[in-house]
Structures are given as structure tokens and as C-alpha cells.
Amino acid sequence: MTITVYGIKNCDTMKKAFTWLDQHKVAYTFHDYKKSGADEAVLKKAIAEHGWENVINCKGTTWRALPEKTRETMNDKTAIKAALDNPSLVKRPLVTHKKGVLLGFDEAEFKTLT
């Protein structure tokens, strides 16, 4: 399995991840949520591995813009729907690799990619 980085190109955390991957010569494919939307199968895998509470960014403006009822009743199924409708909800970067899914940029975790 190749490494795929999911996110939004101009996000600061994404830029840190791209820089680290490039400096360490880690080959990856970039999936831009703005151009291609979120991938349902990847969201299901990430939520199964990490829980929706970790996959969905509950601190961002996109989360706060959701209706209160949606936020209060969020579960695995509704999190997938919300993320498909609003890919900016997904914590960035979301990285798939042969061992699973990484969320966010953490240098120690990224070292497992090499």
C-alpha cells in the first residue's frame, strides 16, 4: 500500500507534513479534499481505528458551523456523513499507510512511515 495524504493544500499543518515527507524522501500521493472531496472508505477506516471524536476536528470553525443538534448527536455514522458533506471537518492531515491511519502531524508518528 502506498502512502496517501488527505487534506487541504493550504492548511499550515498540512504544509508541515508535506515538508517533513519531502525532507525525508517519503513518497506519497496527495488527495485534496477541495478538488476530490472526502473518501468514504478512508473515513470509515479512520473512524474504526481512531473513533469519530479523533477524526473529526471538533475545535474548528466548520464544526462550530454545524447545527447544534448535529454536534450533540454525532456518532460514527453521522460523522461520516458530515465529513463527506464538509471535508474540512476531518483532522488534517489524515495519512493512510500499510500499518493504518495517522491523524494530524506528529514527527514521531511520521517516522513510522520510513
PDB file of N, CA and C in Angstrom:
ATOM      1  N   MET A   1       0.841  -1.189   0.000  1.00  0.00           N
ATOM      2  CA  MET A   1       0.000   0.000   0.000  1.00  0.00           C
ATOM      3  C   MET A   1       0.878   1.241   0.000  1.00  0.00           C
ATOM      4  N   THR A   2       0.519   2.177  -0.810  1.00  0.00           N
ATOM      5  CA  THR A   2       1.264   3.433  -0.841  1.00  0.00           C
ATOM      6  C   THR A   2       0.750   4.357   0.248  1.00  0.00           C
ATOM      7  N   ILE A   3       1.503   5.381   0.496  1.00  0.00           N
ATOM      8  CA  ILE A   3       1.108   6.386   1.479  1.00  0.00           C
ATOM      9  C   ILE A   3       0.269   7.439   0.769  1.00  0.00           C
ATOM     10  N   THR A   4      -0.890   7.718   1.329  1.00  0.00           N
ATOM     11  CA  THR A   4      -1.743   8.770   0.782  1.00  0.00           C
ATOM     12  C   THR A   4      -2.004   9.778   1.882  1.00  0.00           C
ATOM     13  N   VAL A   5      -1.822  11.029   1.544  1.00  0.00           N
ATOM     14  CA  VAL A   5      -2.045  12.133   2.469  1.00  0.00           C
ATOM     15  C   VAL A   5      -3.330  12.832   2.039  1.00  0.00           C
ATOM     16  N   TYR A   6      -4.302  12.889   2.943  1.00  0.00           N
ATOM     17  CA  TYR A   6      -5.589  13.518   2.676  1.00  0.00           C
ATOM     18  C   TYR A   6      -5.652  14.846   3.413  1.00  0.00           C
ATOM     19  N   GLY A   7      -6.155  15.868   2.739  1.00  0.00           N
ATOM     20  CA  GLY A   7      -6.296  17.143   3.399  1.00  0.00           C
ATOM     21  C   GLY A   7      -6.514  18.284   2.431  1.00  0.00           C
ATOM     22  N   ILE A   8      -6.162  19.469   2.890  1.00  0.00           N
ATOM     23  CA  ILE A   8      -6.326  20.713   2.135  1.00  0.00           C
ATOM     24  C   ILE A   8      -4.945  21.337   1.999  1.00  0.00           C
ATOM     25  N   LYS A   9      -4.569  21.649   0.795  1.00  0.00           N
ATOM     26  CA  LYS A   9      -3.208  22.074   0.474  1.00  0.00           C
ATOM     27  C   LYS A   9      -2.705  23.263   1.299  1.00  0.00           C
ATOM     28  N   ASN A  10      -3.541  24.259   1.529  1.00  0.00           N
ATOM     29  CA  ASN A  10      -3.048  25.485   2.167  1.00  0.00           C
ATOM     30  C   ASN A  10      -3.129  25.478   3.687  1.00  0.00           C
ATOM     31  N   CYS A  11      -3.448  24.359   4.289  1.00  0.00           N
ATOM     32  CA  CYS A  11      -3.504  24.229   5.751  1.00  0.00           C
ATOM     33  C   CYS A  11      -2.075  24.215   6.310  1.00  0.00           C
ATOM     34  N   ASP A  12      -1.824  24.959   7.381  1.00  0.00           N
ATOM     35  CA  ASP A  12      -0.478  25.034   7.966  1.00  0.00           C
ATOM     36  C   ASP A  12       0.038  23.672   8.424  1.00  0.00           C
ATOM     37  N   THR A  13      -0.823  22.873   9.033  1.00  0.00           N
ATOM     38  CA  THR A  13      -0.399  21.548   9.487  1.00  0.00           C
ATOM     39  C   THR A  13      -0.066  20.654   8.304  1.00  0.00           C
ATOM     40  N   MET A  14      -0.822  20.799   7.228  1.00  0.00           N
ATOM     41  CA  MET A  14      -0.527  20.044   6.005  1.00  0.00           C
ATOM     42  C   MET A  14       0.845  20.436   5.471  1.00  0.00           C
ATOM     43  N   LYS A  15       1.145  21.719   5.486  1.00  0.00           N
ATOM     44  CA  LYS A  15       2.439  22.197   4.988  1.00  0.00           C
ATOM     45  C   LYS A  15       3.591  21.586   5.791  1.00  0.00           C
ATOM     46  N   LYS A  16       3.413  21.469   7.105  1.00  0.00           N
ATOM     47  CA  LYS A  16       4.437  20.837   7.948  1.00  0.00           C
ATOM     48  C   LYS A  16       4.616  19.377   7.552  1.00  0.00           C
ATOM     49  N   ALA A  17       3.499  18.695   7.317  1.00  0.00           N
ATOM     50  CA  ALA A  17       3.561  17.283   6.932  1.00  0.00           C
ATOM     51  C   ALA A  17       4.250  17.122   5.582  1.00  0.00           C
ATOM     52  N   PHE A  18       3.870  17.941   4.595  1.00  0.00           N
ATOM     53  CA  PHE A  18       4.496  17.864   3.270  1.00  0.00           C
ATOM     54  C   PHE A  18       6.001  18.111   3.370  1.00  0.00           C
ATOM     55  N   THR A  19       6.389  19.120   4.144  1.00  0.00           N
ATOM     56  CA  THR A  19       7.801  19.440   4.304  1.00  0.00           C
ATOM     57  C   THR A  19       8.553  18.261   4.899  1.00  0.00           C
ATOM     58  N   TRP A  20       7.998  17.670   5.961  1.00  0.00           N
ATOM     59  CA  TRP A  20       8.653  16.530   6.601  1.00  0.00           C
ATOM     60  C   TRP A  20       8.776  15.366   5.628  1.00  0.00           C
ATOM     61  N   LEU A  21       7.698  15.028   4.940  1.00  0.00           N
ATOM     62  CA  LEU A  21       7.723  13.910   3.990  1.00  0.00           C
ATOM     63  C   LEU A  21       8.750  14.156   2.885  1.00  0.00           C
ATOM     64  N   ASP A  22       8.765  15.366   2.352  1.00  0.00           N
ATOM     65  CA  ASP A  22       9.711  15.694   1.281  1.00  0.00           C
ATOM     66  C   ASP A  22      11.157  15.645   1.776  1.00  0.00           C
ATOM     67  N   GLN A  23      11.409  16.201   2.960  1.00  0.00           N
ATOM     68  CA  GLN A  23      12.775  16.199   3.502  1.00  0.00           C
ATOM     69  C   GLN A  23      13.273  14.792   3.783  1.00  0.00           C
ATOM     70  N   HIS A  24      12.357  13.890   4.140  1.00  0.00           N
ATOM     71  CA  HIS A  24      12.743  12.513   4.449  1.00  0.00           C
ATOM     72  C   HIS A  24      12.557  11.577   3.253  1.00  0.00           C
ATOM     73  N   LYS A  25      12.284  12.181   2.096  1.00  0.00           N
ATOM     74  CA  LYS A  25      12.158  11.443   0.838  1.00  0.00           C
ATOM     75  C   LYS A  25      11.163  10.289   0.933  1.00  0.00           C
ATOM     76  N   VAL A  26      10.029  10.579   1.562  1.00  0.00           N
ATOM     77  CA  VAL A  26       8.950   9.603   1.665  1.00  0.00           C
ATOM     78  C   VAL A  26       7.983   9.864   0.512  1.00  0.00           C
ATOM     79  N   ALA A  27       7.803   8.863  -0.343  1.00  0.00           N
ATOM     80  CA  ALA A  27       6.895   9.001  -1.482  1.00  0.00           C
ATOM     81  C   ALA A  27       5.447   8.928  -0.993  1.00  0.00           C
ATOM     82  N   TYR A  28       4.615   9.798  -1.537  1.00  0.00           N
ATOM     83  CA  TYR A  28       3.205   9.824  -1.145  1.00  0.00           C
ATOM     84  C   TYR A  28       2.363  10.372  -2.283  1.00  0.00           C
ATOM     85  N   THR A  29       1.087  10.102  -2.171  1.00  0.00           N
ATOM     86  CA  THR A  29       0.095  10.667  -3.076  1.00  0.00           C
ATOM     87  C   THR A  29      -0.740  11.628  -2.245  1.00  0.00           C
ATOM     88  N   PHE A  30      -1.103  12.753  -2.837  1.00  0.00           N
ATOM     89  CA  PHE A  30      -1.912  13.741  -2.129  1.00  0.00           C
ATOM     90  C   PHE A  30      -3.345  13.698  -2.649  1.00  0.00           C
ATOM     91  N   HIS A  31      -4.283  13.588  -1.731  1.00  0.00           N
ATOM     92  CA  HIS A  31      -5.714  13.627  -2.050  1.00  0.00           C
ATOM     93  C   HIS A  31      -6.257  14.942  -1.488  1.00  0.00           C
ATOM     94  N   ASP A  32      -6.579  15.868  -2.378  1.00  0.00           N
ATOM     95  CA  ASP A  32      -7.037  17.204  -1.990  1.00  0.00           C
ATOM     96  C   ASP A  32      -8.553  17.197  -1.791  1.00  0.00           C
ATOM     97  N   TYR A  33      -8.975  17.434  -0.559  1.00  0.00           N
ATOM     98  CA  TYR A  33     -10.408  17.462  -0.264  1.00  0.00           C
ATOM     99  C   TYR A  33     -11.146  18.525  -1.075  1.00  0.00           C
ATOM    100  N   LYS A  34     -10.480  19.632  -1.357  1.00  0.00           N
ATOM    101  CA  LYS A  34     -11.134  20.718  -2.097  1.00  0.00           C
ATOM    102  C   LYS A  34     -11.436  20.307  -3.540  1.00  0.00           C
ATOM    103  N   LYS A  35     -10.579  19.472  -4.118  1.00  0.00           N
ATOM    104  CA  LYS A  35     -10.766  19.054  -5.509  1.00  0.00           C
ATOM    105  C   LYS A  35     -11.519  17.730  -5.627  1.00  0.00           C
ATOM    106  N   SER A  36     -11.267  16.811  -4.701  1.00  0.00           N
ATOM    107  CA  SER A  36     -11.801  15.451  -4.842  1.00  0.00           C
ATOM    108  C   SER A  36     -12.781  15.047  -3.754  1.00  0.00           C
ATOM    109  N   GLY A  37     -12.987  15.906  -2.763  1.00  0.00           N
ATOM    110  CA  GLY A  37     -13.878  15.546  -1.662  1.00  0.00           C
ATOM    111  C   GLY A  37     -13.245  14.501  -0.754  1.00  0.00           C
ATOM    112  N   ALA A  38     -13.983  14.113   0.263  1.00  0.00           N
ATOM    113  CA  ALA A  38     -13.508  13.101   1.200  1.00  0.00           C
ATOM    114  C   ALA A  38     -13.802  11.718   0.624  1.00  0.00           C
ATOM    115  N   ASP A  39     -13.059  10.723   1.065  1.00  0.00           N
ATOM    116  CA  ASP A  39     -13.208   9.348   0.613  1.00  0.00           C
ATOM    117  C   ASP A  39     -13.922   8.561   1.715  1.00  0.00           C
ATOM    118  N   GLU A  40     -15.107   8.047   1.408  1.00  0.00           N
ATOM    119  CA  GLU A  40     -15.925   7.372   2.419  1.00  0.00           C
ATOM    120  C   GLU A  40     -15.228   6.158   3.028  1.00  0.00           C
ATOM    121  N   ALA A  41     -14.586   5.347   2.200  1.00  0.00           N
ATOM    122  CA  ALA A  41     -13.910   4.151   2.712  1.00  0.00           C
ATOM    123  C   ALA A  41     -12.777   4.526   3.664  1.00  0.00           C
ATOM    124  N   VAL A  42     -12.054   5.569   3.338  1.00  0.00           N
ATOM    125  CA  VAL A  42     -10.955   6.023   4.198  1.00  0.00           C
ATOM    126  C   VAL A  42     -11.508   6.578   5.508  1.00  0.00           C
ATOM    127  N   LEU A  43     -12.598   7.338   5.432  1.00  0.00           N
ATOM    128  CA  LEU A  43     -13.219   7.851   6.656  1.00  0.00           C
ATOM    129  C   LEU A  43     -13.676   6.712   7.559  1.00  0.00           C
ATOM    130  N   LYS A  44     -14.296   5.700   6.976  1.00  0.00           N
ATOM    131  CA  LYS A  44     -14.751   4.544   7.772  1.00  0.00           C
ATOM    132  C   LYS A  44     -13.571   3.861   8.452  1.00  0.00           C
ATOM    133  N   LYS A  45     -12.482   3.688   7.715  1.00  0.00           N
ATOM    134  CA  LYS A  45     -11.285   3.052   8.277  1.00  0.00           C
ATOM    135  C   LYS A  45     -10.704   3.900   9.409  1.00  0.00           C
ATOM    136  N   ALA A  46     -10.601   5.202   9.178  1.00  0.00           N
ATOM    137  CA  ALA A  46     -10.033   6.099  10.187  1.00  0.00           C
ATOM    138  C   ALA A  46     -10.897   6.113  11.449  1.00  0.00           C
ATOM    139  N   ILE A  47     -12.206   6.173  11.271  1.00  0.00           N
ATOM    140  CA  ILE A  47     -13.108   6.196  12.427  1.00  0.00           C
ATOM    141  C   ILE A  47     -13.077   4.860  13.165  1.00  0.00           C
ATOM    142  N   ALA A  48     -13.001   3.755  12.432  1.00  0.00           N
ATOM    143  CA  ALA A  48     -12.900   2.442  13.080  1.00  0.00           C
ATOM    144  C   ALA A  48     -11.624   2.339  13.907  1.00  0.00           C
ATOM    145  N   GLU A  49     -10.542   2.932  13.410  1.00  0.00           N
ATOM    146  CA  GLU A  49      -9.245   2.850  14.090  1.00  0.00           C
ATOM    147  C   GLU A  49      -9.101   3.859  15.228  1.00  0.00           C
ATOM    148  N   HIS A  50      -9.630   5.074  15.038  1.00  0.00           N
ATOM    149  CA  HIS A  50      -9.384   6.157  15.988  1.00  0.00           C
ATOM    150  C   HIS A  50     -10.619   6.703  16.691  1.00  0.00           C
ATOM    151  N   GLY A  51     -11.819   6.359  16.217  1.00  0.00           N
ATOM    152  CA  GLY A  51     -13.045   6.932  16.782  1.00  0.00           C
ATOM    153  C   GLY A  51     -13.366   8.258  16.130  1.00  0.00           C
ATOM    154  N   TRP A  52     -14.650   8.529  15.963  1.00  0.00           N
ATOM    155  CA  TRP A  52     -15.038   9.757  15.262  1.00  0.00           C
ATOM    156  C   TRP A  52     -14.556  10.994  16.006  1.00  0.00           C
ATOM    157  N   GLU A  53     -14.468  10.919  17.335  1.00  0.00           N
ATOM    158  CA  GLU A  53     -14.065  12.075  18.136  1.00  0.00           C
ATOM    159  C   GLU A  53     -12.650  12.543  17.817  1.00  0.00           C
ATOM    160  N   ASN A  54     -11.826  11.625  17.301  1.00  0.00           N
ATOM    161  CA  ASN A  54     -10.451  11.976  16.939  1.00  0.00           C
ATOM    162  C   ASN A  54     -10.309  12.307  15.462  1.00  0.00           C
ATOM    163  N   VAL A  55     -11.171  11.753  14.636  1.00  0.00           N
ATOM    164  CA  VAL A  55     -11.113  12.008  13.194  1.00  0.00           C
ATOM    165  C   VAL A  55     -11.733  13.358  12.858  1.00  0.00           C
ATOM    166  N   ILE A  56     -12.797  13.691  13.542  1.00  0.00           N
ATOM    167  CA  ILE A  56     -13.485  14.960  13.310  1.00  0.00           C
ATOM    168  C   ILE A  56     -12.839  16.041  14.166  1.00  0.00           C
ATOM    169  N   ASN A  57     -12.506  17.161  13.549  1.00  0.00           N
ATOM    170  CA  ASN A  57     -11.917  18.290  14.266  1.00  0.00           C
ATOM    171  C   ASN A  57     -13.037  19.076  14.935  1.00  0.00           C
ATOM    172  N   CYS A  58     -13.194  18.858  16.222  1.00  0.00           N
ATOM    173  CA  CYS A  58     -14.276  19.498  16.985  1.00  0.00           C
ATOM    174  C   CYS A  58     -13.888  20.884  17.494  1.00  0.00           C
ATOM    175  N   LYS A  59     -12.745  21.392  17.080  1.00  0.00           N
ATOM    176  CA  LYS A  59     -12.299  22.710  17.524  1.00  0.00           C
ATOM    177  C   LYS A  59     -12.379  23.761  16.427  1.00  0.00           C
ATOM    178  N   GLY A  60     -12.616  23.327  15.193  1.00  0.00           N
ATOM    179  CA  GLY A  60     -12.574  24.243  14.060  1.00  0.00           C
ATOM    180  C   GLY A  60     -13.876  24.974  13.791  1.00  0.00           C
ATOM    181  N   THR A  61     -13.792  25.922  12.885  1.00  0.00           N
ATOM    182  CA  THR A  61     -14.962  26.731  12.528  1.00  0.00           C
ATOM    183  C   THR A  61     -16.014  25.911  11.785  1.00  0.00           C
ATOM    184  N   THR A  62     -15.585  24.907  11.041  1.00  0.00           N
ATOM    185  CA  THR A  62     -16.552  24.070  10.327  1.00  0.00           C
ATOM    186  C   THR A  62     -17.419  23.313  11.328  1.00  0.00           C
ATOM    187  N   TRP A  63     -16.816  22.795  12.394  1.00  0.00           N
ATOM    188  CA  TRP A  63     -17.558  22.113  13.453  1.00  0.00           C
ATOM    189  C   TRP A  63     -18.551  23.076  14.107  1.00  0.00           C
ATOM    190  N   ARG A  64     -18.095  24.256  14.437  1.00  0.00           N
ATOM    191  CA  ARG A  64     -18.967  25.230  15.111  1.00  0.00           C
ATOM    192  C   ARG A  64     -20.113  25.685  14.213  1.00  0.00           C
ATOM    193  N   ALA A  65     -19.925  25.585  12.899  1.00  0.00           N
ATOM    194  CA  ALA A  65     -20.967  25.983  11.957  1.00  0.00           C
ATOM    195  C   ALA A  65     -22.060  24.915  11.789  1.00  0.00           C
ATOM    196  N   LEU A  66     -21.774  23.697  12.249  1.00  0.00           N
ATOM    197  CA  LEU A  66     -22.793  22.650  12.165  1.00  0.00           C
ATOM    198  C   LEU A  66     -23.948  22.971  13.103  1.00  0.00           C
ATOM    199  N   PRO A  67     -25.158  22.541  12.754  1.00  0.00           N
ATOM    200  CA  PRO A  67     -26.282  22.741  13.673  1.00  0.00           C
ATOM    201  C   PRO A  67     -25.992  22.083  15.030  1.00  0.00           C
ATOM    202  N   GLU A  68     -26.442  22.704  16.079  1.00  0.00           N
ATOM    203  CA  GLU A  68     -26.191  22.196  17.427  1.00  0.00           C
ATOM    204  C   GLU A  68     -26.670  20.759  17.581  1.00  0.00           C
ATOM    205  N   LYS A  69     -27.832  20.458  17.033  1.00  0.00           N
ATOM    206  CA  LYS A  69     -28.367  19.099  17.141  1.00  0.00           C
ATOM    207  C   LYS A  69     -27.429  18.091  16.480  1.00  0.00           C
ATOM    208  N   THR A  70     -26.848  18.455  15.347  1.00  0.00           N
ATOM    209  CA  THR A  70     -25.911  17.570  14.651  1.00  0.00           C
ATOM    210  C   THR A  70     -24.693  17.307  15.530  1.00  0.00           C
ATOM    211  N   ARG A  71     -24.158  18.357  16.142  1.00  0.00           N
ATOM    212  CA  ARG A  71     -22.989  18.199  17.013  1.00  0.00           C
ATOM    213  C   ARG A  71     -23.322  17.336  18.224  1.00  0.00           C
ATOM    214  N   GLU A  72     -24.483  17.554  18.811  1.00  0.00           N
ATOM    215  CA  GLU A  72     -24.863  16.834  20.041  1.00  0.00           C
ATOM    216  C   GLU A  72     -25.160  15.361  19.804  1.00  0.00           C
ATOM    217  N   THR A  73     -25.586  15.007  18.602  1.00  0.00           N
ATOM    218  CA  THR A  73     -25.968  13.618  18.325  1.00  0.00           C
ATOM    219  C   THR A  73     -24.957  12.899  17.424  1.00  0.00           C
ATOM    220  N   MET A  74     -23.776  13.452  17.300  1.00  0.00           N
ATOM    221  CA  MET A  74     -22.754  12.872  16.423  1.00  0.00           C
ATOM    222  C   MET A  74     -22.395  11.457  16.879  1.00  0.00           C
ATOM    223  N   ASN A  75     -22.277  10.559  15.915  1.00  0.00           N
ATOM    224  CA  ASN A  75     -21.814   9.198  16.148  1.00  0.00           C
ATOM    225  C   ASN A  75     -21.012   8.778  14.913  1.00  0.00           C
ATOM    226  N   ASP A  76     -20.577   7.530  14.870  1.00  0.00           N
ATOM    227  CA  ASP A  76     -19.748   7.094  13.744  1.00  0.00           C
ATOM    228  C   ASP A  76     -20.436   7.339  12.398  1.00  0.00           C
ATOM    229  N   LYS A  77     -21.692   6.960  12.301  1.00  0.00           N
ATOM    230  CA  LYS A  77     -22.421   7.073  11.033  1.00  0.00           C
ATOM    231  C   LYS A  77     -22.635   8.533  10.633  1.00  0.00           C
ATOM    232  N   THR A  78     -23.076   9.366  11.577  1.00  0.00           N
ATOM    233  CA  THR A  78     -23.334  10.766  11.236  1.00  0.00           C
ATOM    234  C   THR A  78     -22.025  11.531  11.010  1.00  0.00           C
ATOM    235  N   ALA A  79     -20.949  11.084  11.657  1.00  0.00           N
ATOM    236  CA  ALA A  79     -19.645  11.717  11.444  1.00  0.00           C
ATOM    237  C   ALA A  79     -19.180  11.497  10.005  1.00  0.00           C
ATOM    238  N   ILE A  80     -19.410  10.309   9.475  1.00  0.00           N
ATOM    239  CA  ILE A  80     -19.025  10.031   8.089  1.00  0.00           C
ATOM    240  C   ILE A  80     -19.823  10.915   7.148  1.00  0.00           C
ATOM    241  N   LYS A  81     -21.126  11.002   7.363  1.00  0.00           N
ATOM    242  CA  LYS A  81     -21.963  11.846   6.507  1.00  0.00           C
ATOM    243  C   LYS A  81     -21.523  13.307   6.598  1.00  0.00           C
ATOM    244  N   ALA A  82     -21.299  13.785   7.816  1.00  0.00           N
ATOM    245  CA  ALA A  82     -20.886  15.179   7.997  1.00  0.00           C
ATOM    246  C   ALA A  82     -19.548  15.447   7.311  1.00  0.00           C
ATOM    247  N   ALA A  83     -18.618  14.506   7.411  1.00  0.00           N
ATOM    248  CA  ALA A  83     -17.297  14.678   6.798  1.00  0.00           C
ATOM    249  C   ALA A  83     -17.379  14.616   5.272  1.00  0.00           C
ATOM    250  N   LEU A  84     -18.263  13.783   4.750  1.00  0.00           N
ATOM    251  CA  LEU A  84     -18.443  13.740   3.301  1.00  0.00           C
ATOM    252  C   LEU A  84     -19.031  15.050   2.792  1.00  0.00           C
ATOM    253  N   ASP A  85     -19.962  15.622   3.568  1.00  0.00           N
ATOM    254  CA  ASP A  85     -20.579  16.896   3.205  1.00  0.00           C
ATOM    255  C   ASP A  85     -19.650  18.083   3.445  1.00  0.00           C
ATOM    256  N   ASN A  86     -18.759  17.958   4.440  1.00  0.00           N
ATOM    257  CA  ASN A  86     -17.865  19.049   4.854  1.00  0.00           C
ATOM    258  C   ASN A  86     -16.468  18.482   5.120  1.00  0.00           C
ATOM    259  N   PRO A  87     -15.686  18.192   4.087  1.00  0.00           N
ATOM    260  CA  PRO A  87     -14.369  17.582   4.306  1.00  0.00           C
ATOM    261  C   PRO A  87     -13.454  18.383   5.231  1.00  0.00           C
ATOM    262  N   SER A  88     -13.723  19.667   5.392  1.00  0.00           N
ATOM    263  CA  SER A  88     -12.896  20.481   6.297  1.00  0.00           C
ATOM    264  C   SER A  88     -13.064  20.056   7.752  1.00  0.00           C
ATOM    265  N   LEU A  89     -14.049  19.220   8.052  1.00  0.00           N
ATOM    266  CA  LEU A  89     -14.235  18.704   9.404  1.00  0.00           C
ATOM    267  C   LEU A  89     -13.163  17.697   9.804  1.00  0.00           C
ATOM    268  N   VAL A  90     -12.547  17.062   8.813  1.00  0.00           N
ATOM    269  CA  VAL A  90     -11.607  15.982   9.098  1.00  0.00           C
ATOM    270  C   VAL A  90     -10.282  16.558   9.572  1.00  0.00           C
ATOM    271  N   LYS A  91      -9.769  15.975  10.656  1.00  0.00           N
ATOM    272  CA  LYS A  91      -8.466  16.393  11.168  1.00  0.00           C
ATOM    273  C   LYS A  91      -7.418  16.206  10.075  1.00  0.00           C
ATOM    274  N   ARG A  92      -6.521  17.172   9.967  1.00  0.00           N
ATOM    275  CA  ARG A  92      -5.523  17.147   8.896  1.00  0.00           C
ATOM    276  C   ARG A  92      -4.102  17.124   9.458  1.00  0.00           C
ATOM    277  N   PRO A  93      -3.235  16.449   8.725  1.00  0.00           N
ATOM    278  CA  PRO A  93      -3.520  15.531   7.639  1.00  0.00           C
ATOM    279  C   PRO A  93      -4.051  14.200   8.162  1.00  0.00           C
ATOM    280  N   LEU A  94      -4.741  13.509   7.295  1.00  0.00           N
ATOM    281  CA  LEU A  94      -5.124  12.125   7.539  1.00  0.00           C
ATOM    282  C   LEU A  94      -4.257  11.329   6.570  1.00  0.00           C
ATOM    283  N   VAL A  95      -3.453  10.415   7.097  1.00  0.00           N
ATOM    284  CA  VAL A  95      -2.481   9.689   6.279  1.00  0.00           C
ATOM    285  C   VAL A  95      -2.766   8.192   6.358  1.00  0.00           C
ATOM    286  N   THR A  96      -2.979   7.577   5.204  1.00  0.00           N
ATOM    287  CA  THR A  96      -3.123   6.120   5.172  1.00  0.00           C
ATOM    288  C   THR A  96      -1.796   5.519   4.728  1.00  0.00           C
ATOM    289  N   HIS A  97      -1.455   4.397   5.352  1.00  0.00           N
ATOM    290  CA  HIS A  97      -0.218   3.696   5.026  1.00  0.00           C
ATOM    291  C   HIS A  97      -0.414   2.231   5.367  1.00  0.00           C
ATOM    292  N   LYS A  98       0.597   1.416   5.125  1.00  0.00           N
ATOM    293  CA  LYS A  98       0.424  -0.031   5.275  1.00  0.00           C
ATOM    294  C   LYS A  98       0.077  -0.467   6.696  1.00  0.00           C
ATOM    295  N   LYS A  99       0.402   0.326   7.684  1.00  0.00           N
ATOM    296  CA  LYS A  99       0.123  -0.050   9.072  1.00  0.00           C
ATOM    297  C   LYS A  99      -1.175   0.535   9.611  1.00  0.00           C
ATOM    298  N   GLY A 100      -1.816   1.428   8.868  1.00  0.00           N
ATOM    299  CA  GLY A 100      -3.065   2.005   9.343  1.00  0.00           C
ATOM    300  C   GLY A 100      -3.241   3.448   8.941  1.00  0.00           C
ATOM    301  N   VAL A 101      -3.748   4.241   9.881  1.00  0.00           N
ATOM    302  CA  VAL A 101      -4.090   5.640   9.618  1.00  0.00           C
ATOM    303  C   VAL A 101      -3.438   6.524  10.676  1.00  0.00           C
ATOM    304  N   LEU A 102      -2.790   7.586  10.220  1.00  0.00           N
ATOM    305  CA  LEU A 102      -2.262   8.613  11.124  1.00  0.00           C
ATOM    306  C   LEU A 102      -3.169   9.828  11.036  1.00  0.00           C
ATOM    307  N   LEU A 103      -3.359  10.507  12.161  1.00  0.00           N
ATOM    308  CA  LEU A 103      -4.156  11.736  12.202  1.00  0.00           C
ATOM    309  C   LEU A 103      -3.300  12.882  12.693  1.00  0.00           C
ATOM    310  N   GLY A 104      -3.327  13.978  11.963  1.00  0.00           N
ATOM    311  CA  GLY A 104      -2.551  15.146  12.357  1.00  0.00           C
ATOM    312  C   GLY A 104      -1.075  14.928  12.057  1.00  0.00           C
ATOM    313  N   PHE A 105      -0.271  15.947  12.363  1.00  0.00           N
ATOM    314  CA  PHE A 105       1.164  15.827  12.135  1.00  0.00           C
ATOM    315  C   PHE A 105       1.876  15.685  13.461  1.00  0.00           C
ATOM    316  N   ASP A 106       2.533  14.542  13.629  1.00  0.00           N
ATOM    317  CA  ASP A 106       3.360  14.275  14.797  1.00  0.00           C
ATOM    318  C   ASP A 106       4.634  13.623  14.260  1.00  0.00           C
ATOM    319  N   GLU A 107       5.758  14.292  14.423  1.00  0.00           N
ATOM    320  CA  GLU A 107       7.014  13.809  13.839  1.00  0.00           C
ATOM    321  C   GLU A 107       7.336  12.387  14.262  1.00  0.00           C
ATOM    322  N   ALA A 108       7.122  12.049  15.516  1.00  0.00           N
ATOM    323  CA  ALA A 108       7.414  10.688  15.982  1.00  0.00           C
ATOM    324  C   ALA A 108       6.560   9.665  15.235  1.00  0.00           C
ATOM    325  N   GLU A 109       5.297   9.977  15.013  1.00  0.00           N
ATOM    326  CA  GLU A 109       4.436   9.055  14.278  1.00  0.00           C
ATOM    327  C   GLU A 109       4.828   8.997  12.799  1.00  0.00           C
ATOM    328  N   PHE A 110       5.209  10.116  12.253  1.00  0.00           N
ATOM    329  CA  PHE A 110       5.601  10.144  10.836  1.00  0.00           C
ATOM    330  C   PHE A 110       6.867   9.315  10.613  1.00  0.00           C
ATOM    331  N   LYS A 111       7.719   9.189  11.613  1.00  0.00           N
ATOM    332  CA  LYS A 111       8.925   8.371  11.475  1.00  0.00           C
ATOM    333  C   LYS A 111       8.572   6.918  11.216  1.00  0.00           C
ATOM    334  N   THR A 112       7.373   6.481  11.611  1.00  0.00           N
ATOM    335  CA  THR A 112       6.967   5.095  11.365  1.00  0.00           C
ATOM    336  C   THR A 112       6.689   4.853   9.882  1.00  0.00           C
ATOM    337  N   LEU A 113       6.610   5.910   9.092  1.00  0.00           N
ATOM    338  CA  LEU A 113       6.343   5.790   7.664  1.00  0.00           C
ATOM    339  C   LEU A 113       7.589   5.414   6.876  1.00  0.00           C
ATOM    340  N   THR A 114       8.751   5.596   7.501  1.00  0.00           N
ATOM    341  CA  THR A 114      10.010   5.330   6.765  1.00  0.00           C
ATOM    342  C   THR A 114      10.534   3.947   7.036  1.00  0.00           C
TER     343      THR A 114
END
